């Protein structure tokens, strides 16, 4: 099974649907499997939230979601949404989606987890800001066909010394599929995750690191996303299988060299 690559467009579309569609197309061109967005209700943010105005600027309407899914289908890339409540999850269901993403801060939201578990086939769950007990509790609820647990550290941008990728494989005891959701600057961390056996990697995506918003600095550009996809394919070839086999040339060398150095 090839590593799934999620292009996390998130809020980097700046509330511009034309830009969002371009980013979908660029994600596909780079080779990503999913183009992901976030849908939430900005009215639920508190009046003193310093990002309240920003949330209103980048919030997606019901019509926007339909529009983005249509663009994904036309571009040949799978749509994916991080939802903040059951109402937005229902939007995805109404659109015929059977895959969904849950952000780290919802890992203890039992009502949302139960709703998701009863409706969706595939769930990607980030595990930032959580203990192993939190993860275990969530897994007990999320009895779905395909559960992907993504190691995640909720710092923005994330320092290299705090990534702690080895924790990723500790998640295997909870589910078959594990992965990594990245907030570092650059491409090294996601590629290291692939080398450790990630089934899915998620990387934020932008058309320019200079755009307004907090996520662009640790997001991949189109060129970087393409590089991630290409290098992921190479790493998968390098990893091979657990079976010890000899190449055709190696077998010839074996016969020749063992004959040469026979005492």
C-alpha atoms as a PDB file:
ATOM      1  CA  UNK A   1       0.000   0.000   0.000  1.00  0.00           C
ATOM      2  CA  UNK A   2       1.462   3.355  -1.022  1.00  0.00           C
ATOM      3  CA  UNK A   3       1.757   6.164   1.483  1.00  0.00           C
ATOM      4  CA  UNK A   4      -1.237   8.502   1.351  1.00  0.00           C
ATOM      5  CA  UNK A   5      -0.282  12.153   0.920  1.00  0.00           C
ATOM      6  CA  UNK A   6      -2.722  14.772   2.213  1.00  0.00           C
ATOM      7  CA  UNK A   7      -2.307  18.330   0.970  1.00  0.00           C
ATOM      8  CA  UNK A   8      -3.624  20.394   3.880  1.00  0.00           C
ATOM      9  CA  UNK A   9      -4.891  23.558   2.230  1.00  0.00           C
ATOM     10  CA  UNK A  10      -6.699  24.355   5.460  1.00  0.00           C
ATOM     11  CA  UNK A  11      -7.143  28.112   5.730  1.00  0.00           C
ATOM     12  CA  UNK A  12      -4.388  29.017   3.288  1.00  0.00           C
ATOM     13  CA  UNK A  13      -6.950  29.835   0.600  1.00  0.00           C
ATOM     14  CA  UNK A  14      -7.579  33.109   2.507  1.00  0.00           C
ATOM     15  CA  UNK A  15     -11.318  32.863   1.871  1.00  0.00           C
ATOM     16  CA  UNK A  16     -10.798  33.183  -1.884  1.00  0.00           C
ATOM     17  CA  UNK A  17     -12.579  30.363  -3.716  1.00  0.00           C
ATOM     18  CA  UNK A  18     -10.671  31.024  -6.910  1.00  0.00           C
ATOM     19  CA  UNK A  19      -7.410  30.550  -5.015  1.00  0.00           C
ATOM     20  CA  UNK A  20      -8.804  27.456  -3.261  1.00  0.00           C
ATOM     21  CA  UNK A  21      -9.593  25.862  -6.615  1.00  0.00           C
ATOM     22  CA  UNK A  22      -6.137  26.684  -7.946  1.00  0.00           C
ATOM     23  CA  UNK A  23      -4.625  25.050  -4.862  1.00  0.00           C
ATOM     24  CA  UNK A  24      -6.695  21.918  -5.483  1.00  0.00           C
ATOM     25  CA  UNK A  25      -5.356  21.744  -9.021  1.00  0.00           C
ATOM     26  CA  UNK A  26      -1.784  22.317  -7.858  1.00  0.00           C
ATOM     27  CA  UNK A  27      -2.144  19.651  -5.161  1.00  0.00           C
ATOM     28  CA  UNK A  28      -3.229  17.163  -7.807  1.00  0.00           C
ATOM     29  CA  UNK A  29      -0.420  18.218 -10.124  1.00  0.00           C
ATOM     30  CA  UNK A  30       2.090  17.627  -7.329  1.00  0.00           C
ATOM     31  CA  UNK A  31       0.744  14.105  -6.868  1.00  0.00           C
ATOM     32  CA  UNK A  32      -1.153  14.397  -3.566  1.00  0.00           C
ATOM     33  CA  UNK A  33      -3.991  11.962  -2.895  1.00  0.00           C
ATOM     34  CA  UNK A  34      -6.243  14.321  -0.926  1.00  0.00           C
ATOM     35  CA  UNK A  35      -6.911  18.062  -0.909  1.00  0.00           C
ATOM     36  CA  UNK A  36      -8.055  18.949   2.605  1.00  0.00           C
ATOM     37  CA  UNK A  37      -9.919  21.936   4.005  1.00  0.00           C
ATOM     38  CA  UNK A  38     -11.355  22.933   7.381  1.00  0.00           C
ATOM     39  CA  UNK A  39     -15.006  23.704   7.988  1.00  0.00           C
ATOM     40  CA  UNK A  40     -16.310  25.283  11.172  1.00  0.00           C
ATOM     41  CA  UNK A  41     -18.715  27.893  12.482  1.00  0.00           C
ATOM     42  CA  UNK A  42     -16.889  31.186  13.199  1.00  0.00           C
ATOM     43  CA  UNK A  43     -19.891  32.378  15.199  1.00  0.00           C
ATOM     44  CA  UNK A  44     -18.916  29.858  17.872  1.00  0.00           C
ATOM     45  CA  UNK A  45     -15.639  31.671  18.568  1.00  0.00           C
ATOM     46  CA  UNK A  46     -15.639  34.025  21.537  1.00  0.00           C
ATOM     47  CA  UNK A  47     -15.829  37.769  20.978  1.00  0.00           C
ATOM     48  CA  UNK A  48     -12.418  38.251  22.578  1.00  0.00           C
ATOM     49  CA  UNK A  49     -10.723  35.586  20.448  1.00  0.00           C
ATOM     50  CA  UNK A  50      -7.826  37.389  18.696  1.00  0.00           C
ATOM     51  CA  UNK A  51      -8.414  35.282  15.575  1.00  0.00           C
ATOM     52  CA  UNK A  52     -12.187  35.798  15.412  1.00  0.00           C
ATOM     53  CA  UNK A  53     -12.030  38.143  12.398  1.00  0.00           C
ATOM     54  CA  UNK A  54      -9.671  35.735  10.653  1.00  0.00           C
ATOM     55  CA  UNK A  55     -12.054  32.814  11.201  1.00  0.00           C
ATOM     56  CA  UNK A  56     -14.864  34.785   9.586  1.00  0.00           C
ATOM     57  CA  UNK A  57     -12.607  35.614   6.631  1.00  0.00           C
ATOM     58  CA  UNK A  58     -11.623  32.008   5.882  1.00  0.00           C
ATOM     59  CA  UNK A  59     -14.787  30.156   6.944  1.00  0.00           C
ATOM     60  CA  UNK A  60     -16.370  27.953   4.276  1.00  0.00           C
ATOM     61  CA  UNK A  61     -20.101  28.097   3.629  1.00  0.00           C
ATOM     62  CA  UNK A  62     -22.229  25.098   2.732  1.00  0.00           C
ATOM     63  CA  UNK A  63     -22.146  26.270  -0.882  1.00  0.00           C
ATOM     64  CA  UNK A  64     -18.360  26.616  -0.768  1.00  0.00           C
ATOM     65  CA  UNK A  65     -18.028  22.995   0.349  1.00  0.00           C
ATOM     66  CA  UNK A  66     -20.122  21.793  -2.582  1.00  0.00           C
ATOM     67  CA  UNK A  67     -18.044  23.936  -4.937  1.00  0.00           C
ATOM     68  CA  UNK A  68     -14.735  22.604  -3.607  1.00  0.00           C
ATOM     69  CA  UNK A  69     -15.832  18.979  -3.799  1.00  0.00           C
ATOM     70  CA  UNK A  70     -16.897  19.534  -7.398  1.00  0.00           C
ATOM     71  CA  UNK A  71     -13.473  21.010  -8.189  1.00  0.00           C
ATOM     72  CA  UNK A  72     -11.728  18.050  -6.530  1.00  0.00           C
ATOM     73  CA  UNK A  73     -13.713  15.579  -8.588  1.00  0.00           C
ATOM     74  CA  UNK A  74     -12.995  17.463 -11.798  1.00  0.00           C
ATOM     75  CA  UNK A  75      -9.292  17.685 -10.915  1.00  0.00           C
ATOM     76  CA  UNK A  76      -9.048  13.986 -10.024  1.00  0.00           C
ATOM     77  CA  UNK A  77      -8.089  14.370  -6.357  1.00  0.00           C
ATOM     78  CA  UNK A  78     -10.029  13.187  -3.309  1.00  0.00           C
ATOM     79  CA  UNK A  79     -11.695  15.847  -1.120  1.00  0.00           C
ATOM     80  CA  UNK A  80     -11.239  15.761   2.640  1.00  0.00           C
ATOM     81  CA  UNK A  81     -12.489  18.034   5.395  1.00  0.00           C
ATOM     82  CA  UNK A  82     -11.610  18.608   9.023  1.00  0.00           C
ATOM     83  CA  UNK A  83     -14.913  19.242  10.793  1.00  0.00           C
ATOM     84  CA  UNK A  84     -15.460  20.940  14.132  1.00  0.00           C
ATOM     85  CA  UNK A  85     -18.969  19.690  14.885  1.00  0.00           C
ATOM     86  CA  UNK A  86     -21.648  17.204  13.823  1.00  0.00           C
ATOM     87  CA  UNK A  87     -23.422  19.756  11.641  1.00  0.00           C
ATOM     88  CA  UNK A  88     -20.341  20.157   9.444  1.00  0.00           C
ATOM     89  CA  UNK A  89     -19.801  16.395   9.438  1.00  0.00           C
ATOM     90  CA  UNK A  90     -23.342  16.058   8.131  1.00  0.00           C
ATOM     91  CA  UNK A  91     -22.437  18.407   5.277  1.00  0.00           C
ATOM     92  CA  UNK A  92     -19.802  15.861   4.221  1.00  0.00           C
ATOM     93  CA  UNK A  93     -22.309  13.024   4.457  1.00  0.00           C
ATOM     94  CA  UNK A  94     -24.820  14.951   2.375  1.00  0.00           C
ATOM     95  CA  UNK A  95     -22.114  15.298  -0.289  1.00  0.00           C
ATOM     96  CA  UNK A  96     -21.578  11.539  -0.338  1.00  0.00           C
ATOM     97  CA  UNK A  97     -18.184  11.565   1.375  1.00  0.00           C
ATOM     98  CA  UNK A  98     -17.222   8.552   3.498  1.00  0.00           C
ATOM     99  CA  UNK A  99     -13.824   9.862   4.677  1.00  0.00           C
ATOM    100  CA  UNK A 100     -13.257  12.611   7.241  1.00  0.00           C
ATOM    101  CA  UNK A 101     -10.490  14.224   9.299  1.00  0.00           C
ATOM    102  CA  UNK A 102     -10.639  15.089  12.999  1.00  0.00           C
ATOM    103  CA  UNK A 103      -8.332  17.672  14.526  1.00  0.00           C
ATOM    104  CA  UNK A 104      -6.307  16.932  17.641  1.00  0.00           C
ATOM    105  CA  UNK A 105      -8.451  19.070  19.921  1.00  0.00           C
ATOM    106  CA  UNK A 106     -11.497  16.875  19.174  1.00  0.00           C
ATOM    107  CA  UNK A 107      -9.884  13.655  20.387  1.00  0.00           C
ATOM    108  CA  UNK A 108     -11.858  13.869  23.639  1.00  0.00           C
ATOM    109  CA  UNK A 109     -15.128  15.101  22.074  1.00  0.00           C
ATOM    110  CA  UNK A 110     -17.077  11.879  22.611  1.00  0.00           C
ATOM    111  CA  UNK A 111     -20.310  13.131  21.027  1.00  0.00           C
ATOM    112  CA  UNK A 112     -18.520  14.037  17.808  1.00  0.00           C
ATOM    113  CA  UNK A 113     -16.484  10.814  17.839  1.00  0.00           C
ATOM    114  CA  UNK A 114     -19.631   8.708  18.231  1.00  0.00           C
ATOM    115  CA  UNK A 115     -21.357  10.541  15.390  1.00  0.00           C
ATOM    116  CA  UNK A 116     -18.341  10.084  13.113  1.00  0.00           C
ATOM    117  CA  UNK A 117     -17.989   6.409  14.025  1.00  0.00           C
ATOM    118  CA  UNK A 118     -21.605   5.697  13.116  1.00  0.00           C
ATOM    119  CA  UNK A 119     -21.482   7.444   9.747  1.00  0.00           C
ATOM    120  CA  UNK A 120     -18.034   7.296   8.128  1.00  0.00           C
ATOM    121  CA  UNK A 121     -15.910   4.514   6.668  1.00  0.00           C
ATOM    122  CA  UNK A 122     -12.484   6.174   6.939  1.00  0.00           C
ATOM    123  CA  UNK A 123     -11.303   8.501   9.709  1.00  0.00           C
ATOM    124  CA  UNK A 124      -8.007  10.367   9.962  1.00  0.00           C
ATOM    125  CA  UNK A 125      -7.414  11.446  13.572  1.00  0.00           C
ATOM    126  CA  UNK A 126      -4.564  13.697  14.667  1.00  0.00           C
ATOM    127  CA  UNK A 127      -3.209  13.053  18.154  1.00  0.00           C
ATOM    128  CA  UNK A 128      -1.604  16.333  19.199  1.00  0.00           C
ATOM    129  CA  UNK A 129      -2.150  17.608  22.757  1.00  0.00           C
ATOM    130  CA  UNK A 130      -3.181  14.132  23.897  1.00  0.00           C
ATOM    131  CA  UNK A 131      -1.988  11.334  26.144  1.00  0.00           C
ATOM    132  CA  UNK A 132      -1.861   7.672  25.189  1.00  0.00           C
ATOM    133  CA  UNK A 133      -4.937   7.216  27.368  1.00  0.00           C
ATOM    134  CA  UNK A 134      -6.770   9.893  25.360  1.00  0.00           C
ATOM    135  CA  UNK A 135      -5.851   8.035  22.174  1.00  0.00           C
ATOM    136  CA  UNK A 136      -6.943   4.683  23.551  1.00  0.00           C
ATOM    137  CA  UNK A 137     -10.278   6.140  24.662  1.00  0.00           C
ATOM    138  CA  UNK A 138     -10.884   7.644  21.209  1.00  0.00           C
ATOM    139  CA  UNK A 139     -10.020   4.388  19.455  1.00  0.00           C
ATOM    140  CA  UNK A 140     -12.562   2.566  21.608  1.00  0.00           C
ATOM    141  CA  UNK A 141     -15.239   4.834  20.159  1.00  0.00           C
ATOM    142  CA  UNK A 142     -13.979   5.018  16.568  1.00  0.00           C
ATOM    143  CA  UNK A 143     -14.839   1.513  15.441  1.00  0.00           C
ATOM    144  CA  UNK A 144     -14.612   2.280  11.721  1.00  0.00           C
ATOM    145  CA  UNK A 145     -13.334   0.276   8.769  1.00  0.00           C
ATOM    146  CA  UNK A 146     -10.195   2.396   8.303  1.00  0.00           C
ATOM    147  CA  UNK A 147      -8.815   4.372  11.238  1.00  0.00           C
ATOM    148  CA  UNK A 148      -5.619   6.344  10.652  1.00  0.00           C
ATOM    149  CA  UNK A 149      -3.922   7.687  13.791  1.00  0.00           C
ATOM    150  CA  UNK A 150      -1.614  10.570  12.926  1.00  0.00           C
ATOM    151  CA  UNK A 151       1.193  11.472  15.299  1.00  0.00           C
ATOM    152  CA  UNK A 152       1.072  15.233  15.688  1.00  0.00           C
ATOM    153  CA  UNK A 153       2.663  17.897  17.875  1.00  0.00           C
ATOM    154  CA  UNK A 154       0.502  21.006  18.132  1.00  0.00           C
ATOM    155  CA  UNK A 155       3.237  23.668  17.947  1.00  0.00           C
ATOM    156  CA  UNK A 156       3.309  26.140  15.054  1.00  0.00           C
ATOM    157  CA  UNK A 157       5.915  26.059  13.630  1.00  0.00           C
ATOM    158  CA  UNK A 158       7.234  22.915  15.286  1.00  0.00           C
ATOM    159  CA  UNK A 159      10.904  22.736  16.277  1.00  0.00           C
ATOM    160  CA  UNK A 160      12.859  19.770  14.917  1.00  0.00           C
ATOM    161  CA  UNK A 161      13.895  18.656  18.399  1.00  0.00           C
ATOM    162  CA  UNK A 162      10.245  18.367  19.440  1.00  0.00           C
ATOM    163  CA  UNK A 163       8.968  16.202  16.549  1.00  0.00           C
ATOM    164  CA  UNK A 164       9.584  12.851  18.297  1.00  0.00           C
ATOM    165  CA  UNK A 165       8.726  10.669  15.306  1.00  0.00           C
ATOM    166  CA  UNK A 166       9.460   7.384  17.068  1.00  0.00           C
ATOM    167  CA  UNK A 167       6.185   7.805  18.945  1.00  0.00           C
ATOM    168  CA  UNK A 168       4.446   7.269  15.612  1.00  0.00           C
ATOM    169  CA  UNK A 169       5.022   3.528  15.591  1.00  0.00           C
ATOM    170  CA  UNK A 170       3.791   3.275  19.192  1.00  0.00           C
ATOM    171  CA  UNK A 171       0.366   4.009  17.727  1.00  0.00           C
ATOM    172  CA  UNK A 172       0.358   0.661  15.889  1.00  0.00           C
ATOM    173  CA  UNK A 173      -0.945  -1.064  19.009  1.00  0.00           C
ATOM    174  CA  UNK A 174      -4.178   0.908  18.651  1.00  0.00           C
ATOM    175  CA  UNK A 175      -4.857   0.602  14.925  1.00  0.00           C
ATOM    176  CA  UNK A 176      -3.540  -0.895  11.701  1.00  0.00           C
ATOM    177  CA  UNK A 177      -2.819   2.443  10.025  1.00  0.00           C
ATOM    178  CA  UNK A 178      -0.567   5.168  11.413  1.00  0.00           C
ATOM    179  CA  UNK A 179       0.919   8.373  10.068  1.00  0.00           C
ATOM    180  CA  UNK A 180       2.186  11.857  10.722  1.00  0.00           C
ATOM    181  CA  UNK A 181       0.670  15.355  10.523  1.00  0.00           C
ATOM    182  CA  UNK A 182       3.467  17.888  10.177  1.00  0.00           C
ATOM    183  CA  UNK A 183       3.976  21.453  11.411  1.00  0.00           C
ATOM    184  CA  UNK A 184       7.734  21.786  10.837  1.00  0.00           C
ATOM    185  CA  UNK A 185       9.379  24.091   8.328  1.00  0.00           C
ATOM    186  CA  UNK A 186      10.721  22.103   5.384  1.00  0.00           C
ATOM    187  CA  UNK A 187      10.239  18.577   4.092  1.00  0.00           C
ATOM    188  CA  UNK A 188      12.588  16.450   6.192  1.00  0.00           C
ATOM    189  CA  UNK A 189      10.114  15.461   8.915  1.00  0.00           C
ATOM    190  CA  UNK A 190       7.444  14.041   6.608  1.00  0.00           C
ATOM    191  CA  UNK A 191      10.020  12.086   4.631  1.00  0.00           C
ATOM    192  CA  UNK A 192      11.505  10.714   7.847  1.00  0.00           C
ATOM    193  CA  UNK A 193       7.985   9.622   8.812  1.00  0.00           C
ATOM    194  CA  UNK A 194       7.670   7.754   5.516  1.00  0.00           C
ATOM    195  CA  UNK A 195      10.960   5.985   6.222  1.00  0.00           C
ATOM    196  CA  UNK A 196       9.542   4.874   9.575  1.00  0.00           C
ATOM    197  CA  UNK A 197       6.542   3.299   7.877  1.00  0.00           C
ATOM    198  CA  UNK A 198       3.878   6.010   7.860  1.00  0.00           C
ATOM    199  CA  UNK A 199       0.752   4.958   5.993  1.00  0.00           C
ATOM    200  CA  UNK A 200      -0.263   8.604   5.606  1.00  0.00           C
ATOM    201  CA  UNK A 201       1.476  11.963   5.789  1.00  0.00           C
ATOM    202  CA  UNK A 202      -0.218  15.345   6.002  1.00  0.00           C
ATOM    203  CA  UNK A 203       1.572  18.546   5.049  1.00  0.00           C
ATOM    204  CA  UNK A 204       0.157  22.067   4.963  1.00  0.00           C
ATOM    205  CA  UNK A 205       0.142  23.562   1.472  1.00  0.00           C
ATOM    206  CA  UNK A 206       0.475  27.124   0.187  1.00  0.00           C
ATOM    207  CA  UNK A 207       1.224  28.929  -3.043  1.00  0.00           C
ATOM    208  CA  UNK A 208       3.509  31.359  -1.186  1.00  0.00           C
ATOM    209  CA  UNK A 209       5.049  31.444   2.280  1.00  0.00           C
ATOM    210  CA  UNK A 210       4.685  35.245   2.258  1.00  0.00           C
ATOM    211  CA  UNK A 211       0.874  35.308   2.268  1.00  0.00           C
ATOM    212  CA  UNK A 212      -1.003  36.528   5.378  1.00  0.00           C
ATOM    213  CA  UNK A 213      -1.917  33.934   7.973  1.00  0.00           C
ATOM    214  CA  UNK A 214       0.016  31.836  10.478  1.00  0.00           C
ATOM    215  CA  UNK A 215       0.260  28.555   8.533  1.00  0.00           C
ATOM    216  CA  UNK A 216       2.140  29.577   5.389  1.00  0.00           C
ATOM    217  CA  UNK A 217       5.612  29.566   6.960  1.00  0.00           C
ATOM    218  CA  UNK A 218       5.513  25.820   7.673  1.00  0.00           C
ATOM    219  CA  UNK A 219       3.526  24.909   4.568  1.00  0.00           C
ATOM    220  CA  UNK A 220       4.912  23.271   1.447  1.00  0.00           C
ATOM    221  CA  UNK A 221       4.995  25.196  -1.801  1.00  0.00           C
ATOM    222  CA  UNK A 222       3.869  23.417  -5.005  1.00  0.00           C
ATOM    223  CA  UNK A 223       7.501  22.569  -5.748  1.00  0.00           C
ATOM    224  CA  UNK A 224       8.056  21.222  -2.221  1.00  0.00           C
ATOM    225  CA  UNK A 225       4.874  19.153  -2.287  1.00  0.00           C
ATOM    226  CA  UNK A 226       5.909  17.628  -5.604  1.00  0.00           C
ATOM    227  CA  UNK A 227       9.312  16.848  -4.077  1.00  0.00           C
ATOM    228  CA  UNK A 228       7.645  15.194  -1.067  1.00  0.00           C
ATOM    229  CA  UNK A 229       5.540  12.963  -3.327  1.00  0.00           C
ATOM    230  CA  UNK A 230       8.495  12.011  -5.523  1.00  0.00           C
ATOM    231  CA  UNK A 231      10.812  11.293  -2.588  1.00  0.00           C
ATOM    232  CA  UNK A 232       8.066   9.296  -0.851  1.00  0.00           C
ATOM    233  CA  UNK A 233       7.927   7.020  -3.875  1.00  0.00           C
ATOM    234  CA  UNK A 234      11.703   6.572  -3.788  1.00  0.00           C
ATOM    235  CA  UNK A 235      11.669   5.805  -0.053  1.00  0.00           C
ATOM    236  CA  UNK A 236       8.984   3.163  -0.579  1.00  0.00           C
ATOM    237  CA  UNK A 237      11.222   1.498  -3.184  1.00  0.00           C
ATOM    238  CA  UNK A 238      14.209   1.730  -0.860  1.00  0.00           C
ATOM    239  CA  UNK A 239      12.289   0.134   2.007  1.00  0.00           C
ATOM    240  CA  UNK A 240      11.242  -2.852  -0.121  1.00  0.00           C
ATOM    241  CA  UNK A 241       9.924  -5.793   1.873  1.00  0.00           C
ATOM    242  CA  UNK A 242      10.970  -7.746   4.970  1.00  0.00           C
ATOM    243  CA  UNK A 243      11.887 -10.712   2.773  1.00  0.00           C
ATOM    244  CA  UNK A 244      15.594 -11.301   2.165  1.00  0.00           C
ATOM    245  CA  UNK A 245      16.064 -11.866  -1.568  1.00  0.00           C
ATOM    246  CA  UNK A 246      18.952 -11.663  -4.020  1.00  0.00           C
ATOM    247  CA  UNK A 247      18.809  -9.763  -7.284  1.00  0.00           C
ATOM    248  CA  UNK A 248      19.577 -11.577 -10.529  1.00  0.00           C
ATOM    249  CA  UNK A 249      22.985  -9.906 -10.729  1.00  0.00           C
ATOM    250  CA  UNK A 250      23.676 -10.707  -7.083  1.00  0.00           C
ATOM    251  CA  UNK A 251      23.113 -14.420  -7.763  1.00  0.00           C
ATOM    252  CA  UNK A 252      25.641 -14.297 -10.608  1.00  0.00           C
ATOM    253  CA  UNK A 253      28.110 -12.468  -8.390  1.00  0.00           C
ATOM    254  CA  UNK A 254      27.581 -15.047  -5.677  1.00  0.00           C
ATOM    255  CA  UNK A 255      28.553 -17.929  -7.962  1.00  0.00           C
ATOM    256  CA  UNK A 256      31.535 -16.071  -9.409  1.00  0.00           C
ATOM    257  CA  UNK A 257      32.950 -14.694  -6.166  1.00  0.00           C
ATOM    258  CA  UNK A 258      32.475 -17.848  -4.152  1.00  0.00           C
ATOM    259  CA  UNK A 259      34.289 -19.774  -6.863  1.00  0.00           C
ATOM    260  CA  UNK A 260      37.129 -17.200  -7.003  1.00  0.00           C
ATOM    261  CA  UNK A 261      37.748 -17.155  -3.278  1.00  0.00           C
ATOM    262  CA  UNK A 262      37.245 -20.843  -2.616  1.00  0.00           C
ATOM    263  CA  UNK A 263      40.143 -22.230  -0.577  1.00  0.00           C
END
